[in-house]
Amino acid sequence: MAQPIVFFDIAGPDDKALKEFYASIFEWEFDQAGQFTVSVVSPFVGAIRKDPAEKRVYIGVPDVTATLSLIEESGGSIDVPRFEVPGVVVLGLFRDPAGNPMGLVEMDGVDHRVPE
């Protein structure tokens, strides 16, 4: 069996502000040490790419456009507004208040939305 991903962290100069950002947008709950547990899709898919893109964690949401609006209102910024990869997925790219590059995947229940 391949070795699993067991942990990820999101860093920035103001951890309290980052916790508030992720809690308000994605309803993540943090313990006193700043750790949190989120559900993941299984299998957890990753990709290795040749282009100069930055690493990103992609978060599933029911509405990419609405979530990007909340992100902007909460101190984040939009890298790329909602876009469709026909036959594959609906995405949006943003940066949290610390500048960490992140992504959104539009979900339809437990599956990602596949545009025609």
C-alpha atoms as a PDB file:
ATOM      1  CA  MET A   1       0.000   0.000   0.000  1.00  0.00           C
ATOM      2  CA  ALA A   2       1.238   3.512  -0.821  1.00  0.00           C
ATOM      3  CA  GLN A   3       2.245   5.731   2.088  1.00  0.00           C
ATOM      4  CA  PRO A   4      -0.659   7.978   3.232  1.00  0.00           C
ATOM      5  CA  ILE A   5      -0.767  11.724   3.747  1.00  0.00           C
ATOM      6  CA  VAL A   6      -1.285  12.104   7.479  1.00  0.00           C
ATOM      7  CA  PHE A   7      -1.120  15.834   8.204  1.00  0.00           C
ATOM      8  CA  PHE A   8      -1.066  19.282   6.637  1.00  0.00           C
ATOM      9  CA  ASP A   9      -0.652  22.737   8.077  1.00  0.00           C
ATOM     10  CA  ILE A  10      -1.464  26.257   6.976  1.00  0.00           C
ATOM     11  CA  ALA A  11       1.012  28.884   8.160  1.00  0.00           C
ATOM     12  CA  GLY A  12       1.063  32.647   8.479  1.00  0.00           C
ATOM     13  CA  PRO A  13       2.254  35.443  10.743  1.00  0.00           C
ATOM     14  CA  ASP A  14      -1.098  35.698  12.589  1.00  0.00           C
ATOM     15  CA  ASP A  15      -2.363  32.229  13.495  1.00  0.00           C
ATOM     16  CA  LYS A  16      -5.373  33.634  15.357  1.00  0.00           C
ATOM     17  CA  ALA A  17      -6.539  35.510  12.249  1.00  0.00           C
ATOM     18  CA  LEU A  18      -6.072  32.395  10.099  1.00  0.00           C
ATOM     19  CA  LYS A  19      -8.099  30.276  12.521  1.00  0.00           C
ATOM     20  CA  GLU A  20     -10.884  32.870  12.476  1.00  0.00           C
ATOM     21  CA  PHE A  21     -10.784  33.007   8.650  1.00  0.00           C
ATOM     22  CA  TYR A  22     -11.045  29.228   8.152  1.00  0.00           C
ATOM     23  CA  ALA A  23     -13.620  28.833  10.927  1.00  0.00           C
ATOM     24  CA  SER A  24     -15.869  31.538   9.469  1.00  0.00           C
ATOM     25  CA  ILE A  25     -15.627  30.431   5.826  1.00  0.00           C
ATOM     26  CA  PHE A  26     -15.414  26.630   6.104  1.00  0.00           C
ATOM     27  CA  GLU A  27     -16.765  25.994   9.634  1.00  0.00           C
ATOM     28  CA  TRP A  28     -13.537  24.342  10.747  1.00  0.00           C
ATOM     29  CA  GLU A  29     -13.281  23.944  14.524  1.00  0.00           C
ATOM     30  CA  PHE A  30      -9.909  24.405  16.221  1.00  0.00           C
ATOM     31  CA  ASP A  31      -8.691  23.046  19.544  1.00  0.00           C
ATOM     32  CA  GLN A  32      -6.551  25.014  22.028  1.00  0.00           C
ATOM     33  CA  ALA A  33      -3.368  23.943  20.222  1.00  0.00           C
ATOM     34  CA  GLY A  34      -4.704  25.249  16.904  1.00  0.00           C
ATOM     35  CA  GLN A  35      -5.260  21.796  15.440  1.00  0.00           C
ATOM     36  CA  PHE A  36      -8.370  20.815  13.525  1.00  0.00           C
ATOM     37  CA  THR A  37      -9.850  17.767  11.865  1.00  0.00           C
ATOM     38  CA  VAL A  38     -11.648  17.911   8.538  1.00  0.00           C
ATOM     39  CA  SER A  39     -13.288  15.195   6.513  1.00  0.00           C
ATOM     40  CA  VAL A  40     -11.628  14.175   3.245  1.00  0.00           C
ATOM     41  CA  VAL A  41     -12.786  12.444   0.114  1.00  0.00           C
ATOM     42  CA  SER A  42     -11.563   8.913  -0.311  1.00  0.00           C
ATOM     43  CA  PRO A  43      -9.470   8.141  -2.127  1.00  0.00           C
ATOM     44  CA  PHE A  44      -7.639  11.437  -1.576  1.00  0.00           C
ATOM     45  CA  VAL A  45      -6.379  12.459  -5.021  1.00  0.00           C
ATOM     46  CA  GLY A  46      -3.190  14.426  -5.695  1.00  0.00           C
ATOM     47  CA  ALA A  47      -1.304  15.524  -8.788  1.00  0.00           C
ATOM     48  CA  ILE A  48       2.278  16.217  -9.837  1.00  0.00           C
ATOM     49  CA  ARG A  49       2.497  18.914 -12.494  1.00  0.00           C
ATOM     50  CA  LYS A  50       5.272  20.371 -14.593  1.00  0.00           C
ATOM     51  CA  ASP A  51       3.895  23.926 -14.801  1.00  0.00           C
ATOM     52  CA  PRO A  52       5.138  26.569 -12.354  1.00  0.00           C
ATOM     53  CA  ALA A  53       1.992  26.460 -10.206  1.00  0.00           C
ATOM     54  CA  GLU A  54       2.211  26.700  -6.420  1.00  0.00           C
ATOM     55  CA  LYS A  55       1.058  23.914  -4.129  1.00  0.00           C
ATOM     56  CA  ARG A  56      -2.576  24.287  -3.090  1.00  0.00           C
ATOM     57  CA  VAL A  57      -5.015  22.525  -0.823  1.00  0.00           C
ATOM     58  CA  TYR A  58      -8.459  22.314  -2.460  1.00  0.00           C
ATOM     59  CA  ILE A  59     -11.559  22.590  -0.281  1.00  0.00           C
ATOM     60  CA  GLY A  60     -14.961  21.279  -1.395  1.00  0.00           C
ATOM     61  CA  VAL A  61     -17.830  23.792  -1.272  1.00  0.00           C
ATOM     62  CA  PRO A  62     -21.385  23.801  -2.666  1.00  0.00           C
ATOM     63  CA  ASP A  63     -20.954  27.155  -4.477  1.00  0.00           C
ATOM     64  CA  VAL A  64     -17.527  28.419  -5.584  1.00  0.00           C
ATOM     65  CA  THR A  65     -18.746  31.925  -6.487  1.00  0.00           C
ATOM     66  CA  ALA A  66     -20.504  32.484  -3.149  1.00  0.00           C
ATOM     67  CA  THR A  67     -17.522  31.135  -1.208  1.00  0.00           C
ATOM     68  CA  LEU A  68     -15.063  33.359  -3.096  1.00  0.00           C
ATOM     69  CA  SER A  69     -17.236  36.324  -2.172  1.00  0.00           C
ATOM     70  CA  LEU A  70     -17.043  35.358   1.527  1.00  0.00           C
ATOM     71  CA  ILE A  71     -13.292  34.869   1.216  1.00  0.00           C
ATOM     72  CA  GLU A  72     -12.824  38.361  -0.193  1.00  0.00           C
ATOM     73  CA  GLU A  73     -15.063  39.878   2.500  1.00  0.00           C
ATOM     74  CA  SER A  74     -13.000  38.080   5.163  1.00  0.00           C
ATOM     75  CA  GLY A  75      -9.588  39.364   4.085  1.00  0.00           C
ATOM     76  CA  GLY A  76      -8.605  36.794   1.462  1.00  0.00           C
ATOM     77  CA  SER A  77      -8.085  37.509  -2.221  1.00  0.00           C
ATOM     78  CA  ILE A  78      -9.220  35.835  -5.430  1.00  0.00           C
ATOM     79  CA  ASP A  79      -6.538  34.501  -7.785  1.00  0.00           C
ATOM     80  CA  VAL A  80      -8.956  33.042 -10.344  1.00  0.00           C
ATOM     81  CA  PRO A  81     -12.752  33.330 -10.143  1.00  0.00           C
ATOM     82  CA  ARG A  82     -15.006  30.316 -10.701  1.00  0.00           C
ATOM     83  CA  PHE A  83     -14.067  28.410 -13.859  1.00  0.00           C
ATOM     84  CA  GLU A  84     -14.999  25.110 -15.400  1.00  0.00           C
ATOM     85  CA  VAL A  85     -12.770  22.402 -16.775  1.00  0.00           C
ATOM     86  CA  PRO A  86     -15.335  20.826 -19.148  1.00  0.00           C
ATOM     87  CA  GLY A  87     -16.083  17.230 -18.287  1.00  0.00           C
ATOM     88  CA  VAL A  88     -13.820  17.343 -15.225  1.00  0.00           C
ATOM     89  CA  VAL A  89     -14.444  19.862 -12.414  1.00  0.00           C
ATOM     90  CA  VAL A  90     -15.512  23.377 -11.338  1.00  0.00           C
ATOM     91  CA  LEU A  91     -12.780  25.334  -9.520  1.00  0.00           C
ATOM     92  CA  GLY A  92     -11.885  28.691  -7.993  1.00  0.00           C
ATOM     93  CA  LEU A  93      -8.464  29.800  -6.724  1.00  0.00           C
ATOM     94  CA  PHE A  94      -7.776  32.142  -3.807  1.00  0.00           C
ATOM     95  CA  ARG A  95      -5.264  33.240  -1.191  1.00  0.00           C
ATOM     96  CA  ASP A  96      -6.028  33.333   2.499  1.00  0.00           C
ATOM     97  CA  PRO A  97      -5.184  36.464   4.536  1.00  0.00           C
ATOM     98  CA  ALA A  98      -1.592  35.215   4.982  1.00  0.00           C
ATOM     99  CA  GLY A  99      -1.178  34.822   1.208  1.00  0.00           C
ATOM    100  CA  ASN A 100      -1.316  31.008   1.172  1.00  0.00           C
ATOM    101  CA  PRO A 101      -2.562  29.772  -2.222  1.00  0.00           C
ATOM    102  CA  MET A 102      -5.663  27.608  -1.856  1.00  0.00           C
ATOM    103  CA  GLY A 103      -8.368  26.253  -4.136  1.00  0.00           C
ATOM    104  CA  LEU A 104     -12.058  25.465  -4.130  1.00  0.00           C
ATOM    105  CA  VAL A 105     -13.815  22.533  -5.773  1.00  0.00           C
ATOM    106  CA  GLU A 106     -17.543  22.872  -6.345  1.00  0.00           C
ATOM    107  CA  MET A 107     -19.277  19.883  -4.789  1.00  0.00           C
ATOM    108  CA  ASP A 108     -22.660  18.354  -5.500  1.00  0.00           C
ATOM    109  CA  GLY A 109     -23.248  16.501  -2.258  1.00  0.00           C
ATOM    110  CA  VAL A 110     -20.258  14.203  -1.753  1.00  0.00           C
ATOM    111  CA  ASP A 111     -19.044  14.334  -5.365  1.00  0.00           C
ATOM    112  CA  HIS A 112     -17.347  17.165  -7.236  1.00  0.00           C
ATOM    113  CA  ARG A 113     -19.518  18.886  -9.809  1.00  0.00           C
ATOM    114  CA  VAL A 114     -18.660  17.855 -13.369  1.00  0.00           C
ATOM    115  CA  PRO A 115     -19.593  20.498 -15.975  1.00  0.00           C
ATOM    116  CA  GLU A 116     -20.539  19.494 -19.498  1.00  0.00           C
END
